[in-house]
Protein backbone atom coordinates (compact mmCIF):
# COMPACT_ATOMS: atom_id res chain seq x y z
CA MET A 1 21.63 -68.68 -10.91
CA LYS A 2 25.25 -69.67 -10.84
CA ILE A 3 24.63 -71.77 -7.82
CA LEU A 4 21.87 -73.83 -9.55
CA ASP A 5 23.88 -74.29 -12.46
CA THR A 6 26.71 -75.80 -10.35
CA VAL A 7 24.16 -77.98 -8.49
CA ILE A 8 22.90 -79.03 -11.88
CA ILE A 9 26.40 -79.98 -13.14
CA GLY A 10 27.04 -81.75 -9.87
CA ILE A 11 24.04 -84.12 -10.32
CA ASP A 12 24.94 -84.96 -13.86
CA ILE A 13 28.44 -85.86 -12.72
CA MET A 14 27.15 -87.96 -9.81
CA LEU A 15 24.84 -89.77 -12.22
CA PHE A 16 27.63 -90.08 -14.68
CA VAL A 17 29.67 -91.90 -11.97
CA TYR A 18 26.84 -93.95 -10.88
CA PHE A 19 26.26 -95.34 -14.24
CA TYR A 20 29.80 -96.10 -14.67
CA ASN A 21 29.84 -97.84 -11.49
CA ILE A 22 26.83 -100.01 -12.67
CA GLY A 23 28.53 -100.50 -15.90
CA VAL A 24 31.67 -101.81 -14.57
CA ASN A 25 30.13 -104.14 -12.06
CA ALA A 26 27.35 -105.51 -14.27
CA THR A 27 27.90 -109.00 -15.76
CA ASP A 28 25.39 -109.19 -18.60
CA MET A 29 26.16 -107.03 -21.84
CA THR A 30 22.53 -105.48 -21.97
CA THR A 31 23.32 -103.71 -18.63
CA ARG A 32 26.55 -102.39 -19.74
CA LEU A 33 25.19 -101.11 -22.92
CA ILE A 34 22.32 -99.34 -21.20
CA ALA A 35 24.76 -97.59 -18.65
CA CYS A 36 27.16 -96.57 -21.69
CA ALA A 37 24.08 -95.00 -23.25
CA ALA A 38 23.23 -93.45 -19.94
CA MET A 39 26.96 -92.13 -19.50
CA THR A 40 26.75 -90.89 -23.11
CA PHE A 41 23.61 -88.81 -22.36
CA GLU A 42 25.00 -87.31 -19.15
CA VAL A 43 28.16 -86.10 -20.91
CA TYR A 44 25.85 -84.72 -23.36
CA PHE A 45 23.64 -82.85 -21.09
CA ILE A 46 26.76 -81.50 -19.35
CA ARG A 47 28.06 -80.05 -22.38
CA LYS A 48 24.67 -78.76 -23.63
CA HIS A 49 24.38 -76.96 -20.10
CA ILE A 50 27.87 -75.62 -20.23
CA LYS A 51 27.15 -73.95 -23.79
CA ILE A 52 23.88 -72.43 -22.76
CA MET A 53 25.65 -71.01 -19.73
CA LYS A 54 28.35 -69.52 -22.21
CA LYS A 55 25.73 -68.10 -24.40
CA LEU A 56 23.90 -66.38 -21.53
CA ASN A 57 26.99 -65.05 -20.03
CA VAL A 58 28.05 -63.59 -23.74
CA ALA A 59 24.54 -62.08 -24.19
CA LYS A 60 24.81 -60.60 -20.60
CA ASN A 61 28.13 -59.08 -21.20
CA LYS A 62 26.79 -57.60 -24.56
CA ASN A 63 23.87 -56.26 -22.85
CA ILE A 64 26.09 -54.58 -20.19
CA THR A 65 28.45 -53.08 -22.60
CA LYS A 66 25.55 -51.39 -24.64
CA ASP A 67 24.14 -49.83 -21.48
CA LYS A 68 27.31 -48.05 -20.87
């Protein structure tokens, strides 16, 4: 599961960089605003994924300690 989580976060970071390059190289304001919104969503998705991973690790650790 850790490999899949790493791949998902890597893809999100690549998309963030892609939207950043589009926003920086764009000349019209509409494209820049859309790229900014897309970058904001990517940061949100990364943070949400990390929070979910932490919750799963905490639940897994609690389950392991109960078994001992």
